[in-house]
Protein backbone atom coordinates (compact mmCIF):
# COMPACT_ATOMS: atom_id res chain seq x y z
CA MET A 1 114.94 143.34 103.72
CA SER A 2 113.01 141.12 101.29
CA PRO A 3 114.08 140.63 97.67
CA GLN A 4 110.84 142.31 96.56
CA VAL A 5 111.63 145.48 98.55
CA ILE A 6 115.20 145.53 97.26
CA GLY A 7 113.93 144.95 93.73
CA PHE A 8 111.42 147.81 93.97
CA PHE A 9 114.08 150.16 95.34
CA LEU A 10 116.39 149.26 92.45
CA MET A 11 113.50 149.79 90.01
CA VAL A 12 112.97 153.31 91.36
CA LEU A 13 116.68 154.09 90.99
CA ALA A 14 116.71 152.66 87.46
CA ALA A 15 113.61 154.71 86.59
CA LEU A 16 115.29 157.86 87.90
CA PHE A 17 118.51 157.23 85.97
CA GLY A 18 116.75 156.04 82.81
CA GLY A 19 114.32 158.95 82.98
CA SER A 20 117.20 161.34 82.45
CA VAL A 21 118.06 159.94 79.00
CA PRO A 22 115.37 161.51 76.77
CA ALA A 23 115.87 165.07 78.06
CA VAL A 24 119.67 165.05 78.11
CA SER A 25 119.78 163.28 74.73
CA LYS A 26 117.67 166.11 73.29
CA ILE A 27 120.40 168.51 74.40
CA VAL A 28 123.15 166.41 72.79
CA LEU A 29 121.12 166.12 69.57
CA GLU A 30 121.24 169.92 69.24
CA VAL A 31 124.84 169.42 68.08
CA PHE A 32 125.37 165.81 66.99
CA PRO A 33 123.23 163.62 64.71
CA PRO A 34 121.65 160.45 66.22
CA ILE A 35 124.31 157.94 65.09
CA THR A 36 127.17 160.07 66.45
CA THR A 37 125.24 160.73 69.67
CA LEU A 38 124.77 156.99 70.14
CA PHE A 39 128.44 156.26 69.41
CA LEU A 40 129.73 158.85 71.89
CA ARG A 41 127.29 157.63 74.52
CA VAL A 42 128.25 153.95 74.26
CA LEU A 43 131.95 154.80 73.95
CA ILE A 44 131.83 156.67 77.25
CA THR A 45 129.87 153.79 78.78
CA THR A 46 132.35 151.18 77.51
CA ILE A 47 135.28 153.07 79.03
CA ILE A 48 133.49 153.34 82.39
CA PHE A 49 132.59 149.64 82.46
CA ALA A 50 136.10 148.64 81.39
CA LEU A 51 137.48 150.62 84.33
CA ILE A 52 134.99 148.93 86.68
CA VAL A 53 135.97 145.47 85.43
CA GLY A 54 139.65 146.34 85.73
CA PHE A 55 139.22 147.75 89.23
CA ARG A 56 137.40 144.60 90.34
CA ARG A 57 139.98 142.45 88.54
CA GLU A 58 137.23 140.49 86.82
CA ARG A 59 138.07 138.30 83.84
CA TYR A 60 136.44 139.35 80.60
CA GLN A 61 137.31 137.26 77.54
CA ILE A 62 136.39 137.20 73.86
CA ALA A 63 134.35 134.08 74.59
CA THR A 64 132.26 136.11 77.02
CA PHE A 65 131.53 138.72 74.37
CA ARG A 66 130.64 136.02 71.84
CA ASP A 67 128.25 134.25 74.23
CA LEU A 68 126.45 137.50 75.08
CA ALA A 69 126.37 138.94 71.54
CA ARG A 70 122.76 137.99 70.77
CA VAL A 71 121.40 139.43 74.00
CA SER A 72 123.60 142.49 73.57
CA LEU A 73 122.16 143.10 70.10
CA LEU A 74 118.69 143.52 71.65
CA LEU A 75 119.94 146.43 73.74
CA VAL A 76 121.82 147.95 70.81
CA VAL A 77 118.59 148.02 68.79
CA ASN A 78 116.67 149.37 71.79
CA THR A 79 119.15 152.20 72.40
CA ALA A 80 119.35 153.11 68.71
CA CYS A 81 115.55 153.22 68.42
CA ALA A 82 115.30 155.58 71.39
CA ILE A 83 117.95 157.95 70.03
CA PHE A 84 116.56 158.11 66.49
CA ALA A 85 112.97 158.46 67.73
CA LEU A 86 113.86 161.71 69.49
CA ARG A 87 114.15 163.29 66.04
CA PHE A 88 110.41 162.76 65.55
CA ILE A 89 108.68 162.94 68.96
CA PRO A 90 109.02 164.97 72.22
CA SER A 91 111.37 163.55 74.84
CA ALA A 92 108.58 163.35 77.44
CA LEU A 93 106.65 160.93 75.22
CA VAL A 94 109.47 158.35 75.06
CA PRO A 95 109.10 156.87 78.59
CA ILE A 96 105.31 156.88 78.21
CA LEU A 97 105.56 154.66 75.13
CA TYR A 98 108.09 152.45 76.92
CA ALA A 99 105.37 151.74 79.47
CA THR A 100 104.17 149.05 77.05
CA SER A 101 107.15 146.97 78.22
CA PRO A 102 105.41 145.10 81.10
CA LEU A 103 102.59 144.03 78.79
CA MET A 104 105.05 143.01 76.08
CA THR A 105 107.06 141.03 78.65
CA LEU A 106 103.95 139.19 79.77
CA LEU A 107 102.93 138.38 76.18
CA ILE A 108 106.43 137.15 75.26
CA GLN A 109 106.56 134.93 78.35
CA LYS A 110 103.09 133.57 77.59
CA TYR A 111 104.12 132.86 74.00
CA GLU A 112 107.32 131.06 75.02
CA ASN A 113 105.73 129.27 77.98
CA PRO A 114 101.92 128.89 77.91
CA GLN A 115 102.09 127.64 81.53
CA HIS A 116 103.50 130.95 82.74
CA SER A 117 101.18 132.53 85.32
CA MET A 118 101.01 135.58 87.57
CA THR A 119 99.21 136.40 90.80
CA THR A 120 96.04 138.46 90.85
CA ARG A 121 97.95 141.21 92.66
CA GLN A 122 100.60 141.36 89.93
CA LEU A 123 98.05 141.41 87.11
CA SER A 124 96.01 144.13 88.82
CA GLY A 125 99.21 146.12 89.37
CA ILE A 126 100.07 145.92 85.68
CA GLY A 127 96.52 146.99 84.81
CA LEU A 128 96.52 149.89 87.29
CA GLY A 129 99.92 151.06 86.10
CA PHE A 130 98.87 150.97 82.45
CA VAL A 131 95.71 152.95 83.22
CA GLY A 132 97.90 155.49 84.99
CA VAL A 133 100.07 155.81 81.91
CA LEU A 134 96.97 156.34 79.71
CA VAL A 135 95.73 159.02 82.11
CA ALA A 136 99.16 160.66 81.98
CA ILE A 137 99.03 160.68 78.19
CA SER A 138 95.56 162.26 78.15
CA GLY A 139 96.72 164.94 80.57
CA SER A 140 99.91 165.81 78.75
CA THR A 141 100.14 169.19 77.07
CA ILE A 142 102.55 167.78 74.49
CA ASN A 143 101.31 168.86 71.08
CA ILE A 144 101.70 165.87 68.77
CA ALA A 145 100.57 166.19 65.18
CA LEU A 146 99.67 162.82 63.69
CA SER A 147 102.12 163.15 60.83
CA PRO A 148 104.08 160.33 59.16
CA ASN A 149 107.19 161.48 61.03
CA THR A 150 105.39 161.18 64.35
CA TRP A 151 104.39 157.60 63.62
CA ILE A 152 107.98 156.80 62.67
CA GLY A 153 109.05 157.90 66.15
CA VAL A 154 106.24 155.93 67.81
CA GLY A 155 107.10 152.83 65.78
CA LEU A 156 110.77 153.07 66.71
CA ILE A 157 109.97 153.29 70.42
CA LEU A 158 107.59 150.31 70.26
CA LEU A 159 110.31 148.28 68.52
CA GLY A 160 112.76 149.40 71.20
CA SER A 161 110.26 148.44 73.92
CA PHE A 162 109.91 144.95 72.44
CA CYS A 163 113.71 144.50 72.37
CA PHE A 164 113.98 145.83 75.94
CA SER A 165 111.30 143.36 77.12
CA LEU A 166 112.97 140.41 75.41
CA TYR A 167 116.34 141.53 76.81
CA GLY A 168 114.94 141.43 80.34
CA ILE A 169 113.64 137.89 79.87
CA ARG A 170 116.93 136.65 78.42
CA SER A 171 118.98 138.39 81.13
CA LYS A 172 117.41 136.34 83.93
CA SER A 173 118.80 133.09 82.52
CA ILE A 174 122.27 134.34 81.60
CA GLN A 175 122.77 135.91 85.04
CA LYS A 176 123.49 132.39 86.26
CA ARG A 177 126.74 132.48 84.26
CA TYR A 178 127.64 136.17 83.90
CA SER A 179 127.60 139.23 86.13
CA PRO A 180 125.47 142.32 85.37
CA THR A 181 128.70 144.19 84.61
CA HIS A 182 129.74 141.68 81.94
CA ILE A 183 126.26 141.60 80.41
CA THR A 184 126.08 145.37 80.02
CA LEU A 185 129.72 145.77 78.98
CA SER A 186 129.12 143.33 76.13
CA MET A 187 126.24 145.50 74.91
CA THR A 188 128.26 148.71 74.95
CA ILE A 189 131.23 147.09 73.17
CA LEU A 190 128.95 145.77 70.43
CA ALA A 191 127.18 149.13 70.09
CA THR A 192 130.54 150.93 69.89
CA LEU A 193 131.79 148.59 67.15
CA VAL A 194 128.58 148.88 65.13
CA THR A 195 128.33 152.68 65.27
CA ALA A 196 132.05 153.55 65.08
CA PRO A 197 132.50 153.57 61.25
CA PHE A 198 129.48 155.86 60.68
CA ALA A 199 130.19 158.16 63.62
CA LEU A 200 133.91 158.54 62.93
CA PHE A 201 133.17 159.45 59.31
CA ASP A 202 130.63 162.00 60.51
CA LEU A 203 133.07 163.49 63.03
CA ALA A 204 135.79 163.71 60.39
CA THR A 205 133.59 165.52 57.87
CA HIS A 206 131.85 168.00 60.19
CA HIS A 207 133.16 170.65 62.54
CA TYR A 208 131.13 170.32 65.72
CA LEU A 209 133.59 172.09 68.05
CA ALA A 210 132.36 175.48 66.87
CA ARG A 211 128.84 174.74 68.15
CA ILE A 212 129.47 172.62 71.22
CA GLU A 213 128.94 174.16 74.66
CA LEU A 214 129.60 172.99 78.21
CA ARG A 215 125.98 171.89 78.64
CA HIS A 216 126.31 169.62 75.60
CA ILE A 217 129.41 167.98 77.07
CA LEU A 218 127.75 167.51 80.47
CA ALA A 219 124.63 166.09 78.84
CA LEU A 220 126.72 163.65 76.81
CA PHE A 221 128.52 162.33 79.88
CA ALA A 222 125.18 162.12 81.71
CA THR A 223 123.75 159.84 79.00
CA GLY A 224 126.73 157.52 79.40
CA ALA A 225 127.41 157.53 83.14
CA ILE A 226 123.89 157.98 84.49
CA GLY A 227 121.53 157.02 81.68
CA THR A 228 123.42 153.87 80.72
CA VAL A 229 125.89 152.65 83.38
CA ALA A 230 123.78 153.46 86.45
CA PHE A 231 120.48 152.57 84.75
CA TYR A 232 121.43 149.15 83.40
CA MET A 233 123.31 148.12 86.53
CA CYS A 234 120.24 148.88 88.66
CA TYR A 235 117.99 147.17 86.12
CA GLN A 236 120.14 144.04 86.00
CA TYR A 237 120.21 143.74 89.79
CA ALA A 238 116.44 144.38 89.92
CA ILE A 239 115.99 141.39 87.60
CA LYS A 240 118.34 139.37 89.80
CA HIS A 241 116.33 140.11 92.96
CA THR A 242 112.91 139.70 91.30
CA ASN A 243 112.20 138.62 87.71
CA ALA A 244 111.94 140.10 84.21
CA GLN A 245 108.19 140.79 84.49
CA THR A 246 108.50 142.62 87.80
CA ALA A 247 111.62 144.56 86.79
CA SER A 248 109.92 145.74 83.60
CA MET A 249 107.48 147.68 85.81
CA LEU A 250 110.16 150.35 86.15
CA THR A 251 108.79 151.70 82.85
CA TYR A 252 105.66 152.73 84.78
CA ILE A 253 107.75 154.68 87.29
CA GLN A 254 109.99 156.31 84.70
CA PRO A 255 107.56 158.86 83.11
CA PRO A 256 107.34 161.15 86.19
CA PHE A 257 111.12 161.44 86.38
CA ALA A 258 111.52 161.82 82.63
CA VAL A 259 108.84 164.48 82.31
CA ALA A 260 110.12 166.44 85.31
CA LEU A 261 113.57 166.54 83.72
CA SER A 262 112.06 167.44 80.34
CA VAL A 263 110.34 170.40 81.98
CA LEU A 264 113.54 171.52 83.71
CA LEU A 265 116.00 170.93 80.88
CA VAL A 266 114.18 171.38 77.58
CA GLY A 267 111.11 173.41 78.53
CA GLU A 268 108.37 170.82 77.95
CA SER A 269 105.24 171.13 80.10
CA ILE A 270 102.76 168.98 82.04
CA THR A 271 99.29 169.27 83.64
CA PRO A 272 97.82 168.14 87.00
CA ILE A 273 96.13 165.24 85.20
CA PHE A 274 99.57 164.02 84.11
CA ILE A 275 100.68 164.05 87.75
CA ILE A 276 97.61 162.03 88.78
CA GLY A 277 98.32 159.49 86.06
CA SER A 278 101.95 159.25 87.18
CA VAL A 279 100.86 158.54 90.77
CA LEU A 280 98.57 155.75 89.52
CA ALA A 281 101.42 154.33 87.44
CA ILE A 282 103.75 154.25 90.44
CA ALA A 283 101.03 152.69 92.62
CA GLY A 284 100.51 149.98 90.01
CA ALA A 285 104.21 149.23 89.86
CA SER A 286 104.38 149.03 93.66
CA ARG A 287 101.40 146.66 93.78
CA ALA A 288 102.78 144.42 91.03
CA THR A 289 106.11 143.95 92.83
CA LYS A 290 104.50 142.63 96.02
CA LYS A 291 104.02 138.91 96.57
């Protein structure tokens, strides 16, 4: 099996896992505020990754955390932007806006290396996928009022998309020295440390137990185990088997999964035009990953 096929398969898995985050996060946000939601999510993720590292008997040192801190900060900002944006926009819109990631990745690479080039097939795949996303947006029944709050949410997601794109580019180089587990564990440790003071104060001053239900607990664990651990592991290995530009195409595949889960879990709706756009987006991603 070629690296491109393996990479595309990992992209699909990452899109499926990452697509679950907006909908399940909406459920968690019914009880907890964004900063506490983010803290609980990354705390769960850190525990899971620590167990994985311990089970594999891998060495993880303070020097490792220090070396990966800058790259980790990009993911912390990305994750925080996505969580806070859900206060202002529908969950189904989040992965659609993240579909700007392949274009941002291309622009960043061009800026850093003017000699960077892509094949005609890859460029046409990016174009086809982006058209598919635009079609999906036009066919969505999401009612979005162009209010200041809406633009706050859109701005946060675009900032998160930029950080996610830059993270993918930086990950390719550091994978020569660190494993995907170490790279992602560093991010979750940093996110836990940054959010802990605010979240612990919030938990100490509010009584959430009276409102929490089983579905909130399950959604919270899903954001950590599936939406973070499984997603970033697949994404890191997709980068390893392909490259940052190709792996970023998973953001074209993610909207169908995210919207389907939004329909099932939080009652948001779609149209046939959205489905057509999603098919075009997936076709573009598939084309762009072929050599």
